[in-house]
Amino acid sequence: MHCRRCGNPLAKPGDYCLTCNTANCDAVVAVFESDRATLTFLDEDDIVGETTVTTIPETDDDTRVVQLRNFAGLVADEIRRKRPETVYAAGERAPLRETRAQLHYEFYRVTETDPVQAVLDRRGERALEVVDIPPAEKLGGSHTTLIGGRKGRRAIGVVAGHPHVKKVIPGPIDASGTGSRTGLRAKVTRADTNGNVRLLLRDGSSVQENRIVTTAMDRETGERVRDDLNDALREDGLQDE
């Protein structure tokens, strides 16, 4: 493949051209499996290339952490070569989250059976704004107490760390419930018409409803953010399977 602007040959299809500083790929679709990630490179409505990054999954906890980090690093390197505007991701959650943590591009989850076609179908939609500030700076409101202790703070941190969350506003604690189950559970509720959601924290008989302001523009895009947040909470052991 050659650069669309200066015509110089590219090492890999869709690579960013360092000769004339031109992007030849505006989106990457990454589909993760436990032992591989398939990356498809898009330029508007055209598929300009595809590559597969493989790994050998580890079963030991310690070596698995290193293997996952290295696997995500290889995927992230391939994506950086393209300098895309947006990354769409689907599949296995653990390598997906680790890859997202290593990148600074707009990262958007897709859940359809055919992720590449789903992305092509929605290319005309307005992309969600990315909020690139530390999670702690997203906390606001007059209520500062969180239920659940360390786990409650961790749940808020998971949500606040999402790139499409603008603000987290903790709500008052209602301790008038009758629940007897111990241990914190967290769940993100359905999006409203503006795309915002709420994080429900439950710990025994106590319940706290926290408002989450997102960059979604309507209920449909808010539901995508909601699904992503619930996935992240589930992976962190803060939600029932």
C-alpha atoms as a PDB file:
ATOM      1  CA  MET A   1       0.000   0.000   0.000  1.00  0.00           C
ATOM      2  CA  HIS A   2       1.128   3.548  -0.758  1.00  0.00           C
ATOM      3  CA  CYS A   3       0.408   6.757   1.097  1.00  0.00           C
ATOM      4  CA  ARG A   4      -2.696   8.388  -0.307  1.00  0.00           C
ATOM      5  CA  ARG A   5      -1.077  11.825  -0.158  1.00  0.00           C
ATOM      6  CA  CYS A   6       2.582  11.503  -1.212  1.00  0.00           C
ATOM      7  CA  GLY A   7       2.569   8.036  -2.787  1.00  0.00           C
ATOM      8  CA  ASN A   8       5.443   6.669  -0.726  1.00  0.00           C
ATOM      9  CA  PRO A   9       5.216   2.923   0.045  1.00  0.00           C
ATOM     10  CA  LEU A  10       4.003   1.999   3.532  1.00  0.00           C
ATOM     11  CA  ALA A  11       5.552  -0.847   5.548  1.00  0.00           C
ATOM     12  CA  LYS A  12       2.073  -2.113   6.441  1.00  0.00           C
ATOM     13  CA  PRO A  13      -1.368  -1.255   5.019  1.00  0.00           C
ATOM     14  CA  GLY A  14      -2.930   1.694   6.802  1.00  0.00           C
ATOM     15  CA  ASP A  15       0.301   2.887   8.434  1.00  0.00           C
ATOM     16  CA  TYR A  16       0.702   6.561   9.264  1.00  0.00           C
ATOM     17  CA  CYS A  17       3.039   8.130   6.705  1.00  0.00           C
ATOM     18  CA  LEU A  18       6.039   9.674   8.441  1.00  0.00           C
ATOM     19  CA  THR A  19       7.219  11.275   5.202  1.00  0.00           C
ATOM     20  CA  CYS A  20       4.285  13.654   4.770  1.00  0.00           C
ATOM     21  CA  ASN A  21       2.585  13.199   8.183  1.00  0.00           C
ATOM     22  CA  THR A  22      -0.612  11.745   6.754  1.00  0.00           C
ATOM     23  CA  ALA A  23      -2.950   9.192   8.323  1.00  0.00           C
ATOM     24  CA  ASN A  24      -4.005   6.381   6.005  1.00  0.00           C
ATOM     25  CA  CYS A  25      -6.398   4.778   8.478  1.00  0.00           C
ATOM     26  CA  ASP A  26      -8.988   6.565  10.596  1.00  0.00           C
ATOM     27  CA  ALA A  27     -10.324   3.637  12.657  1.00  0.00           C
ATOM     28  CA  VAL A  28      -9.201   0.241  13.930  1.00  0.00           C
ATOM     29  CA  VAL A  29     -11.552  -2.610  14.847  1.00  0.00           C
ATOM     30  CA  ALA A  30      -9.897  -4.999  17.315  1.00  0.00           C
ATOM     31  CA  VAL A  31     -11.566  -8.350  18.027  1.00  0.00           C
ATOM     32  CA  PHE A  32      -9.981 -10.146  20.990  1.00  0.00           C
ATOM     33  CA  GLU A  33      -9.851 -13.852  21.724  1.00  0.00           C
ATOM     34  CA  SER A  34      -7.868 -15.548  24.471  1.00  0.00           C
ATOM     35  CA  ASP A  35      -5.005 -16.425  22.110  1.00  0.00           C
ATOM     36  CA  ARG A  36      -5.237 -13.775  19.387  1.00  0.00           C
ATOM     37  CA  ALA A  37      -6.483 -10.353  18.357  1.00  0.00           C
ATOM     38  CA  THR A  38      -7.648  -9.613  14.825  1.00  0.00           C
ATOM     39  CA  LEU A  39      -7.175  -5.982  13.821  1.00  0.00           C
ATOM     40  CA  THR A  40      -9.045  -4.521  10.853  1.00  0.00           C
ATOM     41  CA  PHE A  41      -7.999  -1.099   9.565  1.00  0.00           C
ATOM     42  CA  LEU A  42     -10.602   1.247   8.111  1.00  0.00           C
ATOM     43  CA  ASP A  43     -10.345   4.420   6.080  1.00  0.00           C
ATOM     44  CA  GLU A  44     -13.830   5.900   6.004  1.00  0.00           C
ATOM     45  CA  ASP A  45     -15.947   3.081   4.499  1.00  0.00           C
ATOM     46  CA  ASP A  46     -13.042   1.047   3.114  1.00  0.00           C
ATOM     47  CA  ILE A  47     -11.125  -1.828   4.707  1.00  0.00           C
ATOM     48  CA  VAL A  48      -7.472  -1.080   3.949  1.00  0.00           C
ATOM     49  CA  GLY A  49      -5.856  -3.975   5.794  1.00  0.00           C
ATOM     50  CA  GLU A  50      -5.997  -6.629   8.496  1.00  0.00           C
ATOM     51  CA  THR A  51      -3.481  -8.273  10.796  1.00  0.00           C
ATOM     52  CA  THR A  52      -3.530 -10.830  13.607  1.00  0.00           C
ATOM     53  CA  VAL A  53      -1.533 -10.688  16.824  1.00  0.00           C
ATOM     54  CA  THR A  54      -1.195 -14.033  18.628  1.00  0.00           C
ATOM     55  CA  THR A  55      -0.244 -15.094  22.131  1.00  0.00           C
ATOM     56  CA  ILE A  56       0.012 -18.265  24.231  1.00  0.00           C
ATOM     57  CA  PRO A  57      -2.367 -17.981  27.213  1.00  0.00           C
ATOM     58  CA  GLU A  58      -0.879 -18.734  30.634  1.00  0.00           C
ATOM     59  CA  THR A  59      -2.742 -20.445  33.473  1.00  0.00           C
ATOM     60  CA  ASP A  60      -0.497 -19.418  36.364  1.00  0.00           C
ATOM     61  CA  ASP A  61      -1.725 -16.161  37.895  1.00  0.00           C
ATOM     62  CA  ASP A  62       1.671 -14.463  38.035  1.00  0.00           C
ATOM     63  CA  THR A  63       2.786 -15.368  34.522  1.00  0.00           C
ATOM     64  CA  ARG A  64      -0.686 -14.627  33.167  1.00  0.00           C
ATOM     65  CA  VAL A  65      -0.402 -10.989  34.247  1.00  0.00           C
ATOM     66  CA  VAL A  66       2.865 -10.611  32.331  1.00  0.00           C
ATOM     67  CA  GLN A  67       1.551 -12.509  29.302  1.00  0.00           C
ATOM     68  CA  LEU A  68      -1.587 -10.363  29.178  1.00  0.00           C
ATOM     69  CA  ARG A  69       0.411  -7.147  29.459  1.00  0.00           C
ATOM     70  CA  ASN A  70       2.797  -8.224  26.702  1.00  0.00           C
ATOM     71  CA  PHE A  71      -0.049  -9.359  24.449  1.00  0.00           C
ATOM     72  CA  ALA A  72      -1.855  -6.047  24.892  1.00  0.00           C
ATOM     73  CA  GLY A  73       1.412  -4.224  24.262  1.00  0.00           C
ATOM     74  CA  LEU A  74       1.842  -5.895  20.875  1.00  0.00           C
ATOM     75  CA  VAL A  75      -1.736  -5.019  19.926  1.00  0.00           C
ATOM     76  CA  ALA A  76      -1.247  -1.434  21.107  1.00  0.00           C
ATOM     77  CA  ASP A  77       1.933  -1.138  19.031  1.00  0.00           C
ATOM     78  CA  GLU A  78       0.057  -2.192  15.883  1.00  0.00           C
ATOM     79  CA  ILE A  79      -2.638   0.383  16.581  1.00  0.00           C
ATOM     80  CA  ARG A  80      -0.116   3.165  17.223  1.00  0.00           C
ATOM     81  CA  ARG A  81       1.387   2.547  13.789  1.00  0.00           C
ATOM     82  CA  LYS A  82      -1.923   3.744  12.306  1.00  0.00           C
ATOM     83  CA  ARG A  83      -2.583   6.759  14.577  1.00  0.00           C
ATOM     84  CA  PRO A  84      -6.347   6.313  14.146  1.00  0.00           C
ATOM     85  CA  GLU A  85      -9.037   8.661  15.369  1.00  0.00           C
ATOM     86  CA  THR A  86     -11.038   5.843  16.972  1.00  0.00           C
ATOM     87  CA  VAL A  87     -10.497   2.280  18.143  1.00  0.00           C
ATOM     88  CA  TYR A  88     -13.466  -0.105  18.280  1.00  0.00           C
ATOM     89  CA  ALA A  89     -13.047  -3.292  20.304  1.00  0.00           C
ATOM     90  CA  ALA A  90     -14.958  -6.516  20.898  1.00  0.00           C
ATOM     91  CA  GLY A  91     -14.418  -9.942  22.419  1.00  0.00           C
ATOM     92  CA  GLU A  92     -12.445 -11.072  25.472  1.00  0.00           C
ATOM     93  CA  ARG A  93     -12.628  -8.420  28.154  1.00  0.00           C
ATOM     94  CA  ALA A  94      -9.270  -8.866  29.914  1.00  0.00           C
ATOM     95  CA  PRO A  95      -6.964  -8.200  26.912  1.00  0.00           C
ATOM     96  CA  LEU A  96      -9.383  -5.532  25.678  1.00  0.00           C
ATOM     97  CA  ARG A  97      -9.166  -3.600  28.940  1.00  0.00           C
ATOM     98  CA  GLU A  98      -5.387  -3.967  29.160  1.00  0.00           C
ATOM     99  CA  THR A  99      -4.983  -2.696  25.594  1.00  0.00           C
ATOM    100  CA  ARG A 100      -7.249   0.257  26.278  1.00  0.00           C
ATOM    101  CA  ALA A 101      -5.149   1.112  29.336  1.00  0.00           C
ATOM    102  CA  GLN A 102      -2.028   1.296  27.142  1.00  0.00           C
ATOM    103  CA  LEU A 103      -3.550   3.610  24.527  1.00  0.00           C
ATOM    104  CA  HIS A 104      -4.739   7.213  24.464  1.00  0.00           C
ATOM    105  CA  TYR A 105      -7.099   6.972  21.515  1.00  0.00           C
ATOM    106  CA  GLU A 106     -10.872   7.121  21.707  1.00  0.00           C
ATOM    107  CA  PHE A 107     -11.772   3.534  22.605  1.00  0.00           C
ATOM    108  CA  TYR A 108     -15.279   2.254  21.984  1.00  0.00           C
ATOM    109  CA  ARG A 109     -16.714  -1.206  22.658  1.00  0.00           C
ATOM    110  CA  VAL A 110     -18.933  -2.967  20.105  1.00  0.00           C
ATOM    111  CA  THR A 111     -20.983  -6.023  21.025  1.00  0.00           C
ATOM    112  CA  GLU A 112     -22.452  -7.144  17.712  1.00  0.00           C
ATOM    113  CA  THR A 113     -21.729 -10.563  16.193  1.00  0.00           C
ATOM    114  CA  ASP A 114     -19.891  -8.969  13.254  1.00  0.00           C
ATOM    115  CA  PRO A 115     -17.989  -6.031  14.816  1.00  0.00           C
ATOM    116  CA  VAL A 116     -16.381  -4.833  11.585  1.00  0.00           C
ATOM    117  CA  GLN A 117     -19.683  -4.622   9.722  1.00  0.00           C
ATOM    118  CA  ALA A 118     -21.321  -3.000  12.751  1.00  0.00           C
ATOM    119  CA  VAL A 119     -18.659  -0.276  12.762  1.00  0.00           C
ATOM    120  CA  LEU A 120     -19.015   0.265   9.005  1.00  0.00           C
ATOM    121  CA  ASP A 121     -22.783   0.605   9.441  1.00  0.00           C
ATOM    122  CA  ARG A 122     -22.401   3.329  12.061  1.00  0.00           C
ATOM    123  CA  ARG A 123     -19.506   5.301  10.536  1.00  0.00           C
ATOM    124  CA  GLY A 124     -21.817   8.242   9.918  1.00  0.00           C
ATOM    125  CA  GLU A 125     -22.665   8.613  13.595  1.00  0.00           C
ATOM    126  CA  ARG A 126     -21.015  11.305  15.658  1.00  0.00           C
ATOM    127  CA  ALA A 127     -18.179   9.888  17.771  1.00  0.00           C
ATOM    128  CA  LEU A 128     -18.354  10.189  21.543  1.00  0.00           C
ATOM    129  CA  GLU A 129     -16.113  12.742  23.184  1.00  0.00           C
ATOM    130  CA  VAL A 130     -13.254  11.349  25.271  1.00  0.00           C
ATOM    131  CA  VAL A 131     -12.695  12.866  28.727  1.00  0.00           C
ATOM    132  CA  ASP A 132      -8.946  12.761  29.300  1.00  0.00           C
ATOM    133  CA  ILE A 133      -8.676  13.810  32.951  1.00  0.00           C
ATOM    134  CA  PRO A 134      -7.755  11.778  36.064  1.00  0.00           C
ATOM    135  CA  PRO A 135     -10.686   9.843  37.620  1.00  0.00           C
ATOM    136  CA  ALA A 136     -10.329  11.742  40.914  1.00  0.00           C
ATOM    137  CA  GLU A 137     -11.036  15.028  39.129  1.00  0.00           C
ATOM    138  CA  LYS A 138     -14.363  13.680  37.856  1.00  0.00           C
ATOM    139  CA  LEU A 139     -15.852  13.392  41.356  1.00  0.00           C
ATOM    140  CA  GLY A 140     -18.240  16.133  42.397  1.00  0.00           C
ATOM    141  CA  GLY A 141     -21.391  16.938  44.315  1.00  0.00           C
ATOM    142  CA  SER A 142     -22.134  17.681  47.966  1.00  0.00           C
ATOM    143  CA  HIS A 143     -22.085  14.065  49.215  1.00  0.00           C
ATOM    144  CA  THR A 144     -18.591  12.731  49.860  1.00  0.00           C
ATOM    145  CA  THR A 145     -19.353   9.537  51.829  1.00  0.00           C
ATOM    146  CA  LEU A 146     -19.473   6.248  49.906  1.00  0.00           C
ATOM    147  CA  ILE A 147     -20.880   2.962  51.147  1.00  0.00           C
ATOM    148  CA  GLY A 148     -18.897  -0.242  50.921  1.00  0.00           C
ATOM    149  CA  GLY A 149     -15.593   1.138  52.173  1.00  0.00           C
ATOM    150  CA  ARG A 150     -12.658   0.214  49.948  1.00  0.00           C
ATOM    151  CA  LYS A 151     -14.853  -1.689  47.477  1.00  0.00           C
ATOM    152  CA  GLY A 152     -17.197   1.275  47.164  1.00  0.00           C
ATOM    153  CA  ARG A 153     -14.283   3.564  46.355  1.00  0.00           C
ATOM    154  CA  ARG A 154     -12.986   0.992  43.870  1.00  0.00           C
ATOM    155  CA  ALA A 155     -16.365   0.854  42.099  1.00  0.00           C
ATOM    156  CA  ILE A 156     -16.426   4.640  41.795  1.00  0.00           C
ATOM    157  CA  GLY A 157     -12.866   4.551  40.473  1.00  0.00           C
ATOM    158  CA  VAL A 158     -13.741   1.964  37.812  1.00  0.00           C
ATOM    159  CA  VAL A 159     -16.629   4.100  36.579  1.00  0.00           C
ATOM    160  CA  ALA A 160     -14.749   7.410  36.792  1.00  0.00           C
ATOM    161  CA  GLY A 161     -11.869   5.890  34.831  1.00  0.00           C
ATOM    162  CA  HIS A 162     -14.032   5.300  31.761  1.00  0.00           C
ATOM    163  CA  PRO A 163     -13.113   7.624  28.868  1.00  0.00           C
ATOM    164  CA  HIS A 164     -16.764   8.540  28.162  1.00  0.00           C
ATOM    165  CA  VAL A 165     -17.597   9.514  31.757  1.00  0.00           C
ATOM    166  CA  LYS A 166     -17.449  13.254  32.432  1.00  0.00           C
ATOM    167  CA  LYS A 167     -18.513  13.395  36.064  1.00  0.00           C
ATOM    168  CA  VAL A 168     -19.518  11.158  38.992  1.00  0.00           C
ATOM    169  CA  ILE A 169     -21.846  12.723  41.560  1.00  0.00           C
ATOM    170  CA  PRO A 170     -22.288  10.577  44.704  1.00  0.00           C
ATOM    171  CA  GLY A 171     -25.792  10.598  46.142  1.00  0.00           C
ATOM    172  CA  PRO A 172     -27.153  10.305  49.706  1.00  0.00           C
ATOM    173  CA  ILE A 173     -27.096   6.920  51.452  1.00  0.00           C
ATOM    174  CA  ASP A 174     -30.426   5.216  52.134  1.00  0.00           C
ATOM    175  CA  ALA A 175     -30.077   2.785  55.043  1.00  0.00           C
ATOM    176  CA  SER A 176     -33.787   1.994  55.361  1.00  0.00           C
ATOM    177  CA  GLY A 177     -33.707  -1.166  53.243  1.00  0.00           C
ATOM    178  CA  THR A 178     -34.276  -4.718  54.446  1.00  0.00           C
ATOM    179  CA  GLY A 179     -31.522  -6.526  52.536  1.00  0.00           C
ATOM    180  CA  SER A 180     -29.366  -8.908  54.543  1.00  0.00           C
ATOM    181  CA  ARG A 181     -26.794  -9.871  51.932  1.00  0.00           C
ATOM    182  CA  THR A 182     -23.289  -8.777  52.841  1.00  0.00           C
ATOM    183  CA  GLY A 183     -20.665  -7.527  50.418  1.00  0.00           C
ATOM    184  CA  LEU A 184     -20.856  -4.609  48.034  1.00  0.00           C
ATOM    185  CA  ARG A 185     -22.605  -4.996  44.679  1.00  0.00           C
ATOM    186  CA  ALA A 186     -22.504  -2.365  41.968  1.00  0.00           C
ATOM    187  CA  LYS A 187     -24.760  -1.947  38.956  1.00  0.00           C
ATOM    188  CA  VAL A 188     -25.192   0.750  36.312  1.00  0.00           C
ATOM    189  CA  THR A 189     -28.817   1.477  35.433  1.00  0.00           C
ATOM    190  CA  ARG A 190     -30.426   2.121  32.063  1.00  0.00           C
ATOM    191  CA  ALA A 191     -29.505   5.375  30.336  1.00  0.00           C
ATOM    192  CA  ASP A 192     -31.891   8.319  30.273  1.00  0.00           C
ATOM    193  CA  THR A 193     -32.801  10.302  27.161  1.00  0.00           C
ATOM    194  CA  ASN A 194     -29.625  12.394  27.508  1.00  0.00           C
ATOM    195  CA  GLY A 195     -27.346   9.350  27.671  1.00  0.00           C
ATOM    196  CA  ASN A 196     -26.574   9.656  31.392  1.00  0.00           C
ATOM    197  CA  VAL A 197     -26.743   6.704  33.798  1.00  0.00           C
ATOM    198  CA  ARG A 198     -26.719   5.964  37.517  1.00  0.00           C
ATOM    199  CA  LEU A 199     -24.438   3.713  39.555  1.00  0.00           C
ATOM    200  CA  LEU A 200     -26.276   1.804  42.281  1.00  0.00           C
ATOM    201  CA  LEU A 201     -24.127   0.631  45.194  1.00  0.00           C
ATOM    202  CA  ARG A 202     -25.695  -1.878  47.604  1.00  0.00           C
ATOM    203  CA  ASP A 203     -24.122  -3.052  50.839  1.00  0.00           C
ATOM    204  CA  GLY A 204     -26.455  -5.001  53.117  1.00  0.00           C
ATOM    205  CA  SER A 205     -29.462  -2.788  53.793  1.00  0.00           C
ATOM    206  CA  SER A 206     -27.731   0.371  52.559  1.00  0.00           C
ATOM    207  CA  VAL A 207     -28.189   1.710  49.038  1.00  0.00           C
ATOM    208  CA  GLN A 208     -26.493   4.655  47.330  1.00  0.00           C
ATOM    209  CA  GLU A 209     -27.489   6.041  43.948  1.00  0.00           C
ATOM    210  CA  ASN A 210     -24.694   7.924  42.187  1.00  0.00           C
ATOM    211  CA  ARG A 211     -25.278  10.049  39.106  1.00  0.00           C
ATOM    212  CA  ILE A 212     -22.954   9.427  36.154  1.00  0.00           C
ATOM    213  CA  VAL A 213     -22.703  12.156  33.513  1.00  0.00           C
ATOM    214  CA  THR A 214     -21.429  10.717  30.223  1.00  0.00           C
ATOM    215  CA  THR A 215     -20.460  12.101  26.838  1.00  0.00           C
ATOM    216  CA  ALA A 216     -23.264  10.109  25.180  1.00  0.00           C
ATOM    217  CA  MET A 217     -25.769  12.228  23.279  1.00  0.00           C
ATOM    218  CA  ASP A 218     -28.895  10.036  23.553  1.00  0.00           C
ATOM    219  CA  ARG A 219     -30.288   6.874  25.134  1.00  0.00           C
ATOM    220  CA  GLU A 220     -28.839   4.540  22.484  1.00  0.00           C
ATOM    221  CA  THR A 221     -25.251   5.705  22.876  1.00  0.00           C
ATOM    222  CA  GLY A 222     -25.743   5.917  26.647  1.00  0.00           C
ATOM    223  CA  GLU A 223     -26.721   2.246  26.673  1.00  0.00           C
ATOM    224  CA  ARG A 224     -23.412   1.377  25.016  1.00  0.00           C
ATOM    225  CA  VAL A 225     -21.531   3.234  27.742  1.00  0.00           C
ATOM    226  CA  ARG A 226     -23.689   1.501  30.359  1.00  0.00           C
ATOM    227  CA  ASP A 227     -22.868  -1.954  28.979  1.00  0.00           C
ATOM    228  CA  ASP A 228     -19.175  -1.110  29.001  1.00  0.00           C
ATOM    229  CA  LEU A 229     -19.325   0.106  32.624  1.00  0.00           C
ATOM    230  CA  ASN A 230     -21.173  -2.999  33.810  1.00  0.00           C
ATOM    231  CA  ASP A 231     -18.614  -5.187  32.037  1.00  0.00           C
ATOM    232  CA  ALA A 232     -15.793  -3.339  33.807  1.00  0.00           C
ATOM    233  CA  LEU A 233     -17.487  -3.694  37.208  1.00  0.00           C
ATOM    234  CA  ARG A 234     -18.078  -7.396  36.597  1.00  0.00           C
ATOM    235  CA  GLU A 235     -14.448  -7.940  35.661  1.00  0.00           C
ATOM    236  CA  ASP A 236     -13.374  -6.204  38.857  1.00  0.00           C
ATOM    237  CA  GLY A 237     -15.448  -8.589  40.963  1.00  0.00           C
ATOM    238  CA  LEU A 238     -17.943  -5.885  41.956  1.00  0.00           C
ATOM    239  CA  GLN A 239     -20.975  -7.389  40.261  1.00  0.00           C
ATOM    240  CA  ASP A 240     -22.636 -10.778  40.180  1.00  0.00           C
ATOM    241  CA  GLU A 241     -22.027 -12.844  37.063  1.00  0.00           C
END
